[in-house]
Amino acid sequence: MAQMNMIQALNSAMDIALSNDPYVVLMGEDIGYFGGVFRCTEGLQRKHGEHRVLDTPIAEGGIVATAIGMGVNGMRPVAEIQFADYIYPAFDQIVSELARLRHRSAGDFYAPITIRTPCGGGIRGGQTHSQSPEGIFTHVSGIKVVMPSNPYDAKGMLLSAIEDDDPVVFFEPKRIYNGPFDGDPDKPARPWSTHPKGEVPEGHYTVPIGKAEIVRQGNDATIITYGTMVHVAEAAAASSGIDAEIIDVRSMAPLDVDTLRTSVQKTGRCVIVHEATRFGGYGAELSATVQEECFWHLEAPIQRVTGWDTPYPHAFEWEYFPGQKRIINALRAVLEA
C-alpha cells in the first residue's frame, strides 16, 4: 500500500486506465502540458502522449460533445470540467444527448464516458468556484453520479467509472484534494487535518458504484452525508460525545437505499448533511427516502444541515460552510425531540 492524497489517487487511476486500455483518452482544459489546475493529470501527457491526453479549448459544451462522439465510436473518454461551476454550458449535451443515448437507441449505442469535475468550497473560491451542483445531475435519468470522500474510494471509484458502459459524472471535493489545513482552528476545515492521505493500492482495483459505506458505527443517531462533509461529521460526532453512526453515501445515483434503511431503523434518528444549498438539494431526496423506508422507526423529525440558499459568499465562507457546531446542534435536536 502507498500513502496518497486524493490528487495522487486520481492521477494513479487515470495512469492505470491509460496503460491498460488503448481506447481510454483524457481531455480537458490545461490537463496536458500544465497537468490541470489542481495537478490531477500531472505527468500523464508526458508519459502517454498528446494523442491520449488532450488539451482542449475553453468550451465545456464542445468538450462533452466531443467525448460523446468518441464514446459512440468505441473509445472511453474521461473529460475534465475545470470547476463544477463551469459545467452548465455542457448541461444540454449531458442531459439531452449523453444521458439518453442508450435509451433512445434501444441499446444499439452506449456512452462509456466519465466527466470529472472538482466541486465545493473551502478554498476561498467565491461564488464562481465553489458550487456543489451534484443534486441537479441526480435528477437526470441515464447517468450515474458519485462523489468520493477519501483517496482509496477516489481511485477505486474512478476506475469503476471509466470501465462502466454508462456515463458517470464524477464529482471531486476539492477541499480535501491535498489534505491538512493549517488555518484558524475555529474554522470547520481544521478537524480533518488528520486525513491528509490514506493507504491506497498502487495497482488496479475498483470500488463499486451504487454502494454506500458506514464510516463510523453508532447507535444514537444516523448521519447521512458525502464528500467533504464526511470528515466534518466525523469530527462533530467525536467532539459531541454522541454515539452517531455515519454513512458516506459515495454513490448518489444509484443510491444504496438498503444501507440507509438498516442504519436508521437501528438508530431511529437521522441527520442529513451536505454543503450544497438546502432548497431542492440532494438532502431532500435522502430525507424523502428515509421517510418512506423508515417511517415507523423514526423517533424524531429528520434534520438537514446544509449550505444556505444563497450564492456561495466569498467574505462569509465559513458561515455558509456547514461546520461542526451546526451538525452537533442537529444531533442534539433529534435526540431531544
C-alpha atoms as a PDB file:
ATOM      1  CA  MET A   1       0.000   0.000   0.000  1.00  0.00           C
ATOM      2  CA  ALA A   2       1.149   3.511  -0.796  1.00  0.00           C
ATOM      3  CA  GLN A   3       0.245   6.704   1.060  1.00  0.00           C
ATOM      4  CA  MET A   4      -1.634   9.022  -1.318  1.00  0.00           C
ATOM      5  CA  ASN A   5      -3.741  12.121  -1.102  1.00  0.00           C
ATOM      6  CA  MET A   6      -6.793  12.392  -3.340  1.00  0.00           C
ATOM      7  CA  ILE A   7      -4.957  14.117  -6.192  1.00  0.00           C
ATOM      8  CA  GLN A   8      -2.328  11.364  -6.270  1.00  0.00           C
ATOM      9  CA  ALA A   9      -5.007   8.656  -6.103  1.00  0.00           C
ATOM     10  CA  LEU A  10      -6.949  10.149  -9.020  1.00  0.00           C
ATOM     11  CA  ASN A  11      -3.752  10.536 -11.032  1.00  0.00           C
ATOM     12  CA  SER A  12      -2.875   6.903 -10.355  1.00  0.00           C
ATOM     13  CA  ALA A  13      -6.320   5.752 -11.506  1.00  0.00           C
ATOM     14  CA  MET A  14      -6.060   7.623 -14.791  1.00  0.00           C
ATOM     15  CA  ASP A  15      -2.491   6.400 -15.345  1.00  0.00           C
ATOM     16  CA  ILE A  16      -3.624   2.798 -14.892  1.00  0.00           C
ATOM     17  CA  ALA A  17      -6.649   3.272 -17.162  1.00  0.00           C
ATOM     18  CA  LEU A  18      -4.488   4.775 -19.908  1.00  0.00           C
ATOM     19  CA  SER A  19      -1.943   1.955 -19.569  1.00  0.00           C
ATOM     20  CA  ASN A  20      -4.483  -0.872 -19.533  1.00  0.00           C
ATOM     21  CA  ASP A  21      -6.879   0.273 -22.260  1.00  0.00           C
ATOM     22  CA  PRO A  22      -5.732   1.943 -25.502  1.00  0.00           C
ATOM     23  CA  TYR A  23      -9.252   3.307 -26.024  1.00  0.00           C
ATOM     24  CA  VAL A  24      -9.118   5.492 -22.886  1.00  0.00           C
ATOM     25  CA  VAL A  25      -8.339   9.159 -23.549  1.00  0.00           C
ATOM     26  CA  LEU A  26      -8.265  12.165 -21.242  1.00  0.00           C
ATOM     27  CA  MET A  27      -9.451  15.578 -22.379  1.00  0.00           C
ATOM     28  CA  GLY A  28      -9.939  18.970 -20.803  1.00  0.00           C
ATOM     29  CA  GLU A  29      -8.678  22.500 -20.356  1.00  0.00           C
ATOM     30  CA  ASP A  30      -4.964  22.629 -19.433  1.00  0.00           C
ATOM     31  CA  ILE A  31      -4.865  18.965 -18.386  1.00  0.00           C
ATOM     32  CA  GLY A  32      -1.936  18.020 -20.626  1.00  0.00           C
ATOM     33  CA  TYR A  33       1.161  20.209 -20.610  1.00  0.00           C
ATOM     34  CA  PHE A  34       0.073  22.046 -17.450  1.00  0.00           C
ATOM     35  CA  GLY A  35      -1.240  18.955 -15.630  1.00  0.00           C
ATOM     36  CA  GLY A  36      -4.571  20.503 -14.715  1.00  0.00           C
ATOM     37  CA  VAL A  37      -5.351  23.457 -12.471  1.00  0.00           C
ATOM     38  CA  PHE A  38      -5.159  21.127  -9.431  1.00  0.00           C
ATOM     39  CA  ARG A  39      -2.418  18.931 -10.970  1.00  0.00           C
ATOM     40  CA  CYS A  40      -4.622  15.833 -11.053  1.00  0.00           C
ATOM     41  CA  THR A  41      -3.279  14.891 -14.508  1.00  0.00           C
ATOM     42  CA  GLU A  42       0.303  15.994 -13.960  1.00  0.00           C
ATOM     43  CA  GLY A  43       2.810  13.945 -15.957  1.00  0.00           C
ATOM     44  CA  LEU A  44       0.225  11.894 -17.841  1.00  0.00           C
ATOM     45  CA  GLN A  45       0.677  13.651 -21.183  1.00  0.00           C
ATOM     46  CA  ARG A  46       4.453  13.251 -20.979  1.00  0.00           C
ATOM     47  CA  LYS A  47       4.019   9.541 -20.271  1.00  0.00           C
ATOM     48  CA  HIS A  48       1.167   8.638 -22.619  1.00  0.00           C
ATOM     49  CA  GLY A  49       1.426  11.255 -25.346  1.00  0.00           C
ATOM     50  CA  GLU A  50      -0.595  14.232 -26.522  1.00  0.00           C
ATOM     51  CA  HIS A  51      -2.953  11.990 -28.518  1.00  0.00           C
ATOM     52  CA  ARG A  52      -4.079  10.260 -25.295  1.00  0.00           C
ATOM     53  CA  VAL A  53      -4.126  13.320 -23.020  1.00  0.00           C
ATOM     54  CA  LEU A  54      -5.664  16.191 -24.973  1.00  0.00           C
ATOM     55  CA  ASP A  55      -5.679  19.893 -24.159  1.00  0.00           C
ATOM     56  CA  THR A  56      -8.980  21.381 -25.293  1.00  0.00           C
ATOM     57  CA  PRO A  57     -10.312  24.909 -25.933  1.00  0.00           C
ATOM     58  CA  ILE A  58     -12.278  26.643 -23.188  1.00  0.00           C
ATOM     59  CA  ALA A  59     -15.602  25.251 -24.377  1.00  0.00           C
ATOM     60  CA  GLU A  60     -17.325  22.887 -21.973  1.00  0.00           C
ATOM     61  CA  GLY A  61     -20.154  22.091 -24.359  1.00  0.00           C
ATOM     62  CA  GLY A  62     -17.608  21.205 -27.011  1.00  0.00           C
ATOM     63  CA  ILE A  63     -15.608  19.039 -24.598  1.00  0.00           C
ATOM     64  CA  VAL A  64     -18.638  16.916 -23.701  1.00  0.00           C
ATOM     65  CA  ALA A  65     -19.948  16.831 -27.278  1.00  0.00           C
ATOM     66  CA  THR A  66     -16.575  15.571 -28.496  1.00  0.00           C
ATOM     67  CA  ALA A  67     -16.495  12.984 -25.716  1.00  0.00           C
ATOM     68  CA  ILE A  68     -19.941  11.721 -26.797  1.00  0.00           C
ATOM     69  CA  GLY A  69     -18.729  11.328 -30.373  1.00  0.00           C
ATOM     70  CA  MET A  70     -15.692   9.408 -29.168  1.00  0.00           C
ATOM     71  CA  GLY A  71     -17.780   7.233 -26.871  1.00  0.00           C
ATOM     72  CA  VAL A  72     -20.248   6.078 -29.503  1.00  0.00           C
ATOM     73  CA  ASN A  73     -17.307   5.152 -31.709  1.00  0.00           C
ATOM     74  CA  GLY A  74     -15.730   2.776 -29.232  1.00  0.00           C
ATOM     75  CA  MET A  75     -13.496   4.985 -27.085  1.00  0.00           C
ATOM     76  CA  ARG A  76     -13.665   5.631 -23.341  1.00  0.00           C
ATOM     77  CA  PRO A  77     -13.092   9.364 -22.886  1.00  0.00           C
ATOM     78  CA  VAL A  78     -12.515  10.928 -19.482  1.00  0.00           C
ATOM     79  CA  ALA A  79     -13.474  14.591 -19.768  1.00  0.00           C
ATOM     80  CA  GLU A  80     -12.450  17.114 -17.136  1.00  0.00           C
ATOM     81  CA  ILE A  81     -14.533  20.217 -16.459  1.00  0.00           C
ATOM     82  CA  GLN A  82     -12.107  22.505 -14.667  1.00  0.00           C
ATOM     83  CA  PHE A  83     -14.608  23.573 -11.964  1.00  0.00           C
ATOM     84  CA  ALA A  84     -18.116  22.243 -11.366  1.00  0.00           C
ATOM     85  CA  ASP A  85     -19.265  25.861 -11.651  1.00  0.00           C
ATOM     86  CA  TYR A  86     -18.367  25.719 -15.359  1.00  0.00           C
ATOM     87  CA  ILE A  87     -20.306  22.571 -16.190  1.00  0.00           C
ATOM     88  CA  TYR A  88     -23.520  24.404 -17.092  1.00  0.00           C
ATOM     89  CA  PRO A  89     -22.559  25.228 -20.707  1.00  0.00           C
ATOM     90  CA  ALA A  90     -22.341  21.444 -21.190  1.00  0.00           C
ATOM     91  CA  PHE A  91     -25.619  20.726 -19.405  1.00  0.00           C
ATOM     92  CA  ASP A  92     -27.672  20.340 -22.568  1.00  0.00           C
ATOM     93  CA  GLN A  93     -25.170  17.893 -24.043  1.00  0.00           C
ATOM     94  CA  ILE A  94     -25.170  15.861 -20.821  1.00  0.00           C
ATOM     95  CA  VAL A  95     -28.944  15.824 -20.316  1.00  0.00           C
ATOM     96  CA  SER A  96     -30.316  15.793 -23.863  1.00  0.00           C
ATOM     97  CA  GLU A  97     -27.688  13.613 -25.529  1.00  0.00           C
ATOM     98  CA  LEU A  98     -25.383  11.731 -23.171  1.00  0.00           C
ATOM     99  CA  ALA A  99     -27.946  10.578 -20.598  1.00  0.00           C
ATOM    100  CA  ARG A 100     -30.499   9.416 -23.201  1.00  0.00           C
ATOM    101  CA  LEU A 101     -28.236   7.749 -25.737  1.00  0.00           C
ATOM    102  CA  ARG A 102     -28.720   4.129 -24.668  1.00  0.00           C
ATOM    103  CA  HIS A 103     -32.487   4.548 -24.221  1.00  0.00           C
ATOM    104  CA  ARG A 104     -33.207   6.431 -27.431  1.00  0.00           C
ATOM    105  CA  SER A 105     -31.192   3.931 -29.499  1.00  0.00           C
ATOM    106  CA  ALA A 106     -32.882   0.917 -27.832  1.00  0.00           C
ATOM    107  CA  GLY A 107     -29.484  -0.244 -26.635  1.00  0.00           C
ATOM    108  CA  ASP A 108     -27.730  -0.018 -30.011  1.00  0.00           C
ATOM    109  CA  PHE A 109     -25.397   2.690 -28.699  1.00  0.00           C
ATOM    110  CA  TYR A 110     -23.938   3.327 -25.283  1.00  0.00           C
ATOM    111  CA  ALA A 111     -21.791   6.060 -23.814  1.00  0.00           C
ATOM    112  CA  PRO A 112     -18.845   4.917 -21.665  1.00  0.00           C
ATOM    113  CA  ILE A 113     -17.951   8.487 -20.733  1.00  0.00           C
ATOM    114  CA  THR A 114     -16.677   9.833 -17.411  1.00  0.00           C
ATOM    115  CA  ILE A 115     -16.951  13.532 -16.617  1.00  0.00           C
ATOM    116  CA  ARG A 116     -14.632  14.590 -13.793  1.00  0.00           C
ATOM    117  CA  THR A 117     -15.110  17.916 -12.047  1.00  0.00           C
ATOM    118  CA  PRO A 118     -13.962  19.459  -8.725  1.00  0.00           C
ATOM    119  CA  CYS A 119     -16.759  20.832  -6.574  1.00  0.00           C
ATOM    120  CA  GLY A 120     -17.460  22.535  -3.267  1.00  0.00           C
ATOM    121  CA  GLY A 121     -15.924  25.355  -1.299  1.00  0.00           C
ATOM    122  CA  GLY A 122     -13.407  25.782   1.466  1.00  0.00           C
ATOM    123  CA  ILE A 123     -10.677  27.235  -0.749  1.00  0.00           C
ATOM    124  CA  ARG A 124     -11.883  30.868  -0.842  1.00  0.00           C
ATOM    125  CA  GLY A 125     -13.016  30.472  -4.422  1.00  0.00           C
ATOM    126  CA  GLY A 126     -16.109  32.652  -4.119  1.00  0.00           C
ATOM    127  CA  GLN A 127     -19.419  32.106  -5.841  1.00  0.00           C
ATOM    128  CA  THR A 128     -17.970  31.072  -9.233  1.00  0.00           C
ATOM    129  CA  HIS A 129     -15.505  28.447  -7.959  1.00  0.00           C
ATOM    130  CA  SER A 130     -17.309  26.826  -5.016  1.00  0.00           C
ATOM    131  CA  GLN A 131     -20.620  25.380  -6.184  1.00  0.00           C
ATOM    132  CA  SER A 132     -21.956  21.910  -5.410  1.00  0.00           C
ATOM    133  CA  PRO A 133     -24.369  21.070  -8.252  1.00  0.00           C
ATOM    134  CA  GLU A 134     -24.463  17.307  -7.719  1.00  0.00           C
ATOM    135  CA  GLY A 135     -28.163  17.276  -6.870  1.00  0.00           C
ATOM    136  CA  ILE A 136     -29.053  18.674 -10.300  1.00  0.00           C
ATOM    137  CA  PHE A 137     -27.480  15.707 -12.052  1.00  0.00           C
ATOM    138  CA  THR A 138     -29.066  13.071  -9.819  1.00  0.00           C
ATOM    139  CA  HIS A 139     -32.417  14.203 -11.216  1.00  0.00           C
ATOM    140  CA  VAL A 140     -31.378  13.142 -14.724  1.00  0.00           C
ATOM    141  CA  SER A 141     -32.193   9.537 -15.629  1.00  0.00           C
ATOM    142  CA  GLY A 142     -29.453   7.731 -17.512  1.00  0.00           C
ATOM    143  CA  ILE A 143     -26.328   8.987 -15.758  1.00  0.00           C
ATOM    144  CA  LYS A 144     -24.571   7.871 -12.596  1.00  0.00           C
ATOM    145  CA  VAL A 145     -23.390  10.448 -10.059  1.00  0.00           C
ATOM    146  CA  VAL A 146     -20.663   9.815  -7.491  1.00  0.00           C
ATOM    147  CA  MET A 147     -18.525  11.792  -5.024  1.00  0.00           C
ATOM    148  CA  PRO A 148     -15.722  10.093  -3.043  1.00  0.00           C
ATOM    149  CA  SER A 149     -14.554  11.349   0.345  1.00  0.00           C
ATOM    150  CA  ASN A 150     -11.114   9.763   0.591  1.00  0.00           C
ATOM    151  CA  PRO A 151      -8.176   8.718  -1.615  1.00  0.00           C
ATOM    152  CA  TYR A 152      -8.967   4.979  -1.562  1.00  0.00           C
ATOM    153  CA  ASP A 153     -12.513   5.498  -2.810  1.00  0.00           C
ATOM    154  CA  ALA A 154     -11.403   8.188  -5.263  1.00  0.00           C
ATOM    155  CA  LYS A 155      -9.085   5.827  -7.107  1.00  0.00           C
ATOM    156  CA  GLY A 156     -11.327   2.764  -6.957  1.00  0.00           C
ATOM    157  CA  MET A 157     -14.485   4.606  -7.959  1.00  0.00           C
ATOM    158  CA  LEU A 158     -12.773   6.465 -10.802  1.00  0.00           C
ATOM    159  CA  LEU A 159     -11.568   3.181 -12.260  1.00  0.00           C
ATOM    160  CA  SER A 160     -15.103   1.795 -11.902  1.00  0.00           C
ATOM    161  CA  ALA A 161     -16.477   4.877 -13.661  1.00  0.00           C
ATOM    162  CA  ILE A 162     -14.030   4.645 -16.556  1.00  0.00           C
ATOM    163  CA  GLU A 163     -14.799   0.942 -17.032  1.00  0.00           C
ATOM    164  CA  ASP A 164     -18.578   1.497 -16.806  1.00  0.00           C
ATOM    165  CA  ASP A 165     -20.505   1.353 -20.088  1.00  0.00           C
ATOM    166  CA  ASP A 166     -22.835   4.133 -18.944  1.00  0.00           C
ATOM    167  CA  PRO A 167     -21.976   7.789 -18.347  1.00  0.00           C
ATOM    168  CA  VAL A 168     -20.739   8.831 -14.914  1.00  0.00           C
ATOM    169  CA  VAL A 169     -20.485  12.372 -13.547  1.00  0.00           C
ATOM    170  CA  PHE A 170     -17.621  12.161 -11.062  1.00  0.00           C
ATOM    171  CA  PHE A 171     -17.551  14.993  -8.523  1.00  0.00           C
ATOM    172  CA  GLU A 172     -14.296  15.573  -6.639  1.00  0.00           C
ATOM    173  CA  PRO A 173     -14.480  17.635  -3.398  1.00  0.00           C
ATOM    174  CA  LYS A 174     -11.516  19.938  -3.916  1.00  0.00           C
ATOM    175  CA  ARG A 175     -11.403  20.992  -0.251  1.00  0.00           C
ATOM    176  CA  ILE A 176      -9.840  17.610   0.556  1.00  0.00           C
ATOM    177  CA  TYR A 177      -7.695  17.224  -2.571  1.00  0.00           C
ATOM    178  CA  ASN A 178      -4.428  17.929  -0.740  1.00  0.00           C
ATOM    179  CA  GLY A 179      -5.090  17.152   2.895  1.00  0.00           C
ATOM    180  CA  PRO A 180      -4.311  19.174   6.008  1.00  0.00           C
ATOM    181  CA  PHE A 181      -5.498  22.698   6.715  1.00  0.00           C
ATOM    182  CA  ASP A 182      -3.333  24.923   8.907  1.00  0.00           C
ATOM    183  CA  GLY A 183      -5.595  27.933   9.359  1.00  0.00           C
ATOM    184  CA  ASP A 184      -7.782  29.195  12.160  1.00  0.00           C
ATOM    185  CA  PRO A 185      -8.660  26.234  14.457  1.00  0.00           C
ATOM    186  CA  ASP A 186     -12.228  27.519  14.805  1.00  0.00           C
ATOM    187  CA  LYS A 187     -12.870  27.053  11.106  1.00  0.00           C
ATOM    188  CA  PRO A 188     -14.602  23.782  10.196  1.00  0.00           C
ATOM    189  CA  ALA A 189     -11.815  22.636   7.897  1.00  0.00           C
ATOM    190  CA  ARG A 190      -9.383  22.108  10.759  1.00  0.00           C
ATOM    191  CA  PRO A 191     -10.707  18.816  12.245  1.00  0.00           C
ATOM    192  CA  TRP A 192      -9.920  16.629   9.252  1.00  0.00           C
ATOM    193  CA  SER A 193      -6.227  17.596   9.161  1.00  0.00           C
ATOM    194  CA  THR A 194      -5.658  14.014  10.361  1.00  0.00           C
ATOM    195  CA  HIS A 195      -6.950  12.787   6.983  1.00  0.00           C
ATOM    196  CA  PRO A 196      -4.385  14.164   4.510  1.00  0.00           C
ATOM    197  CA  LYS A 197      -3.593  10.822   2.978  1.00  0.00           C
ATOM    198  CA  GLY A 198      -4.731   7.245   3.045  1.00  0.00           C
ATOM    199  CA  GLU A 199      -3.482   3.811   2.188  1.00  0.00           C
ATOM    200  CA  VAL A 200      -4.124   3.189  -1.490  1.00  0.00           C
ATOM    201  CA  PRO A 201      -3.070   0.127  -3.529  1.00  0.00           C
ATOM    202  CA  GLU A 202      -0.663   1.111  -6.284  1.00  0.00           C
ATOM    203  CA  GLY A 203      -2.191  -1.310  -8.788  1.00  0.00           C
ATOM    204  CA  HIS A 204      -5.636  -1.750 -10.271  1.00  0.00           C
ATOM    205  CA  TYR A 205      -8.716  -2.178  -8.056  1.00  0.00           C
ATOM    206  CA  THR A 206     -12.286  -0.935  -8.122  1.00  0.00           C
ATOM    207  CA  VAL A 207     -14.827   0.342  -5.606  1.00  0.00           C
ATOM    208  CA  PRO A 208     -18.391  -0.440  -6.727  1.00  0.00           C
ATOM    209  CA  ILE A 209     -20.706   2.358  -7.772  1.00  0.00           C
ATOM    210  CA  GLY A 210     -24.055   2.065  -6.010  1.00  0.00           C
ATOM    211  CA  LYS A 211     -22.785   1.049  -2.577  1.00  0.00           C
ATOM    212  CA  ALA A 212     -22.583   3.328   0.476  1.00  0.00           C
ATOM    213  CA  GLU A 213     -20.091   2.849   3.319  1.00  0.00           C
ATOM    214  CA  ILE A 214     -20.566   3.029   7.071  1.00  0.00           C
ATOM    215  CA  VAL A 215     -17.521   5.014   8.187  1.00  0.00           C
ATOM    216  CA  ARG A 216     -18.458   5.164  11.886  1.00  0.00           C
ATOM    217  CA  GLN A 217     -20.603   2.736  13.831  1.00  0.00           C
ATOM    218  CA  GLY A 218     -23.098   4.150  16.318  1.00  0.00           C
ATOM    219  CA  ASN A 219     -26.475   3.686  17.996  1.00  0.00           C
ATOM    220  CA  ASP A 220     -27.815   7.130  18.948  1.00  0.00           C
ATOM    221  CA  ALA A 221     -28.441   8.663  15.519  1.00  0.00           C
ATOM    222  CA  THR A 222     -27.522   8.257  11.858  1.00  0.00           C
ATOM    223  CA  ILE A 223     -25.676  10.969   9.939  1.00  0.00           C
ATOM    224  CA  ILE A 224     -26.040  10.587   6.161  1.00  0.00           C
ATOM    225  CA  THR A 225     -23.506  12.598   4.181  1.00  0.00           C
ATOM    226  CA  TYR A 226     -20.857  12.522   1.454  1.00  0.00           C
ATOM    227  CA  GLY A 227     -17.712  14.243   0.187  1.00  0.00           C
ATOM    228  CA  THR A 228     -16.000  16.797   2.403  1.00  0.00           C
ATOM    229  CA  MET A 229     -18.820  16.667   4.924  1.00  0.00           C
ATOM    230  CA  VAL A 230     -17.937  13.087   5.880  1.00  0.00           C
ATOM    231  CA  HIS A 231     -14.887  14.415   7.709  1.00  0.00           C
ATOM    232  CA  VAL A 232     -16.750  17.316   9.293  1.00  0.00           C
ATOM    233  CA  ALA A 233     -19.395  14.867  10.518  1.00  0.00           C
ATOM    234  CA  GLU A 234     -16.721  12.572  11.967  1.00  0.00           C
ATOM    235  CA  ALA A 235     -15.186  15.483  13.852  1.00  0.00           C
ATOM    236  CA  ALA A 236     -18.599  16.618  15.103  1.00  0.00           C
ATOM    237  CA  ALA A 237     -19.539  13.151  16.341  1.00  0.00           C
ATOM    238  CA  ALA A 238     -16.193  12.721  18.093  1.00  0.00           C
ATOM    239  CA  SER A 239     -16.339  16.089  19.863  1.00  0.00           C
ATOM    240  CA  SER A 240     -20.022  15.878  20.803  1.00  0.00           C
ATOM    241  CA  GLY A 241     -19.846  12.622  22.729  1.00  0.00           C
ATOM    242  CA  ILE A 242     -22.900  11.411  20.787  1.00  0.00           C
ATOM    243  CA  ASP A 243     -22.743   7.823  19.548  1.00  0.00           C
ATOM    244  CA  ALA A 244     -23.573   8.700  15.953  1.00  0.00           C
ATOM    245  CA  GLU A 245     -23.379   6.320  13.027  1.00  0.00           C
ATOM    246  CA  ILE A 246     -22.032   7.985   9.882  1.00  0.00           C
ATOM    247  CA  ILE A 247     -22.850   6.808   6.364  1.00  0.00           C
ATOM    248  CA  ASP A 248     -20.803   8.012   3.409  1.00  0.00           C
ATOM    249  CA  VAL A 249     -23.279   7.851   0.523  1.00  0.00           C
ATOM    250  CA  ARG A 250     -20.430   7.953  -2.088  1.00  0.00           C
ATOM    251  CA  SER A 251     -22.805   6.988  -4.889  1.00  0.00           C
ATOM    252  CA  MET A 252     -25.705   9.411  -5.174  1.00  0.00           C
ATOM    253  CA  ALA A 253     -27.203   7.778  -8.245  1.00  0.00           C
ATOM    254  CA  PRO A 254     -27.723   4.894  -7.951  1.00  0.00           C
ATOM    255  CA  LEU A 255     -28.363   5.200  -4.216  1.00  0.00           C
ATOM    256  CA  ASP A 256     -27.742   2.393  -1.732  1.00  0.00           C
ATOM    257  CA  VAL A 257     -31.127   2.501  -0.006  1.00  0.00           C
ATOM    258  CA  ASP A 258     -30.541  -0.747   1.911  1.00  0.00           C
ATOM    259  CA  THR A 259     -27.639   0.669   3.931  1.00  0.00           C
ATOM    260  CA  LEU A 260     -29.591   3.813   4.795  1.00  0.00           C
ATOM    261  CA  ARG A 261     -32.654   1.816   5.822  1.00  0.00           C
ATOM    262  CA  THR A 262     -30.750  -0.585   8.040  1.00  0.00           C
ATOM    263  CA  SER A 263     -28.944   2.196   9.882  1.00  0.00           C
ATOM    264  CA  VAL A 264     -31.941   4.467  10.501  1.00  0.00           C
ATOM    265  CA  GLN A 265     -34.123   1.563  11.573  1.00  0.00           C
ATOM    266  CA  LYS A 266     -31.434   0.788  14.162  1.00  0.00           C
ATOM    267  CA  THR A 267     -30.905   4.329  15.496  1.00  0.00           C
ATOM    268  CA  GLY A 268     -34.387   5.809  14.984  1.00  0.00           C
ATOM    269  CA  ARG A 269     -32.914   9.267  14.340  1.00  0.00           C
ATOM    270  CA  CYS A 270     -31.434  10.851  11.227  1.00  0.00           C
ATOM    271  CA  VAL A 271     -29.369  13.930  10.374  1.00  0.00           C
ATOM    272  CA  ILE A 272     -28.536  14.672   6.716  1.00  0.00           C
ATOM    273  CA  VAL A 273     -25.523  16.856   5.912  1.00  0.00           C
ATOM    274  CA  HIS A 274     -24.331  18.353   2.632  1.00  0.00           C
ATOM    275  CA  GLU A 275     -22.561  21.508   1.511  1.00  0.00           C
ATOM    276  CA  ALA A 276     -24.932  22.375  -1.335  1.00  0.00           C
ATOM    277  CA  THR A 277     -27.855  24.741  -0.843  1.00  0.00           C
ATOM    278  CA  ARG A 278     -30.802  23.395   1.113  1.00  0.00           C
ATOM    279  CA  PHE A 279     -33.881  24.007  -1.055  1.00  0.00           C
ATOM    280  CA  GLY A 280     -34.227  21.259  -3.658  1.00  0.00           C
ATOM    281  CA  GLY A 281     -30.839  19.862  -2.650  1.00  0.00           C
ATOM    282  CA  TYR A 282     -29.864  16.205  -2.667  1.00  0.00           C
ATOM    283  CA  GLY A 283     -30.642  16.051   1.049  1.00  0.00           C
ATOM    284  CA  ALA A 284     -34.327  16.393   0.207  1.00  0.00           C
ATOM    285  CA  GLU A 285     -34.179  13.138  -1.770  1.00  0.00           C
ATOM    286  CA  LEU A 286     -32.327  11.449   1.088  1.00  0.00           C
ATOM    287  CA  SER A 287     -34.916  12.724   3.562  1.00  0.00           C
ATOM    288  CA  ALA A 288     -37.824  11.506   1.438  1.00  0.00           C
ATOM    289  CA  THR A 289     -36.188   8.097   1.035  1.00  0.00           C
ATOM    290  CA  VAL A 290     -35.606   7.715   4.782  1.00  0.00           C
ATOM    291  CA  GLN A 291     -39.184   8.837   5.491  1.00  0.00           C
ATOM    292  CA  GLU A 292     -40.609   6.280   3.046  1.00  0.00           C
ATOM    293  CA  GLU A 293     -38.414   3.420   4.219  1.00  0.00           C
ATOM    294  CA  CYS A 294     -38.222   4.081   7.984  1.00  0.00           C
ATOM    295  CA  PHE A 295     -41.394   5.952   8.977  1.00  0.00           C
ATOM    296  CA  TRP A 296     -42.395   3.558  11.755  1.00  0.00           C
ATOM    297  CA  HIS A 297     -38.868   3.543  13.204  1.00  0.00           C
ATOM    298  CA  LEU A 298     -38.259   7.302  13.361  1.00  0.00           C
ATOM    299  CA  GLU A 299     -38.283   8.756  16.881  1.00  0.00           C
ATOM    300  CA  ALA A 300     -37.801  12.368  15.760  1.00  0.00           C
ATOM    301  CA  PRO A 301     -38.155  14.534  12.643  1.00  0.00           C
ATOM    302  CA  ILE A 302     -35.268  14.289  10.194  1.00  0.00           C
ATOM    303  CA  GLN A 303     -32.826  17.204  10.418  1.00  0.00           C
ATOM    304  CA  ARG A 304     -30.911  18.719   7.476  1.00  0.00           C
ATOM    305  CA  VAL A 305     -27.629  20.648   7.824  1.00  0.00           C
ATOM    306  CA  THR A 306     -26.701  22.335   4.549  1.00  0.00           C
ATOM    307  CA  GLY A 307     -25.320  25.400   2.864  1.00  0.00           C
ATOM    308  CA  TRP A 308     -27.534  28.467   2.777  1.00  0.00           C
ATOM    309  CA  ASP A 309     -29.941  29.255  -0.052  1.00  0.00           C
ATOM    310  CA  THR A 310     -27.657  31.939  -1.463  1.00  0.00           C
ATOM    311  CA  PRO A 311     -24.767  32.106  -3.924  1.00  0.00           C
ATOM    312  CA  TYR A 312     -21.594  30.927  -2.198  1.00  0.00           C
ATOM    313  CA  PRO A 313     -20.305  34.037  -0.361  1.00  0.00           C
ATOM    314  CA  HIS A 314     -16.611  34.840  -0.533  1.00  0.00           C
ATOM    315  CA  ALA A 315     -16.482  37.046   2.563  1.00  0.00           C
ATOM    316  CA  PHE A 316     -18.627  34.714   4.706  1.00  0.00           C
ATOM    317  CA  GLU A 317     -17.390  31.345   3.501  1.00  0.00           C
ATOM    318  CA  TRP A 318     -17.203  29.760   6.946  1.00  0.00           C
ATOM    319  CA  GLU A 319     -20.690  30.945   7.882  1.00  0.00           C
ATOM    320  CA  TYR A 320     -22.011  29.223   4.745  1.00  0.00           C
ATOM    321  CA  PHE A 321     -19.889  26.096   5.114  1.00  0.00           C
ATOM    322  CA  PRO A 322     -21.731  23.555   7.347  1.00  0.00           C
ATOM    323  CA  GLY A 323     -19.443  23.141  10.348  1.00  0.00           C
ATOM    324  CA  GLN A 324     -19.238  21.026  13.478  1.00  0.00           C
ATOM    325  CA  LYS A 325     -21.431  23.285  15.614  1.00  0.00           C
ATOM    326  CA  ARG A 326     -24.372  23.108  13.232  1.00  0.00           C
ATOM    327  CA  ILE A 327     -24.081  19.314  12.982  1.00  0.00           C
ATOM    328  CA  ILE A 328     -23.869  18.928  16.761  1.00  0.00           C
ATOM    329  CA  ASN A 329     -26.945  21.143  17.199  1.00  0.00           C
ATOM    330  CA  ALA A 330     -28.864  18.954  14.746  1.00  0.00           C
ATOM    331  CA  LEU A 331     -27.783  15.784  16.562  1.00  0.00           C
ATOM    332  CA  ARG A 332     -28.963  17.212  19.866  1.00  0.00           C
ATOM    333  CA  ALA A 333     -32.252  18.261  18.283  1.00  0.00           C
ATOM    334  CA  VAL A 334     -33.064  14.728  17.104  1.00  0.00           C
ATOM    335  CA  LEU A 335     -32.023  13.261  20.457  1.00  0.00           C
ATOM    336  CA  GLU A 336     -34.101  15.716  22.493  1.00  0.00           C
ATOM    337  CA  ALA A 337     -37.234  15.569  20.332  1.00  0.00           C
END
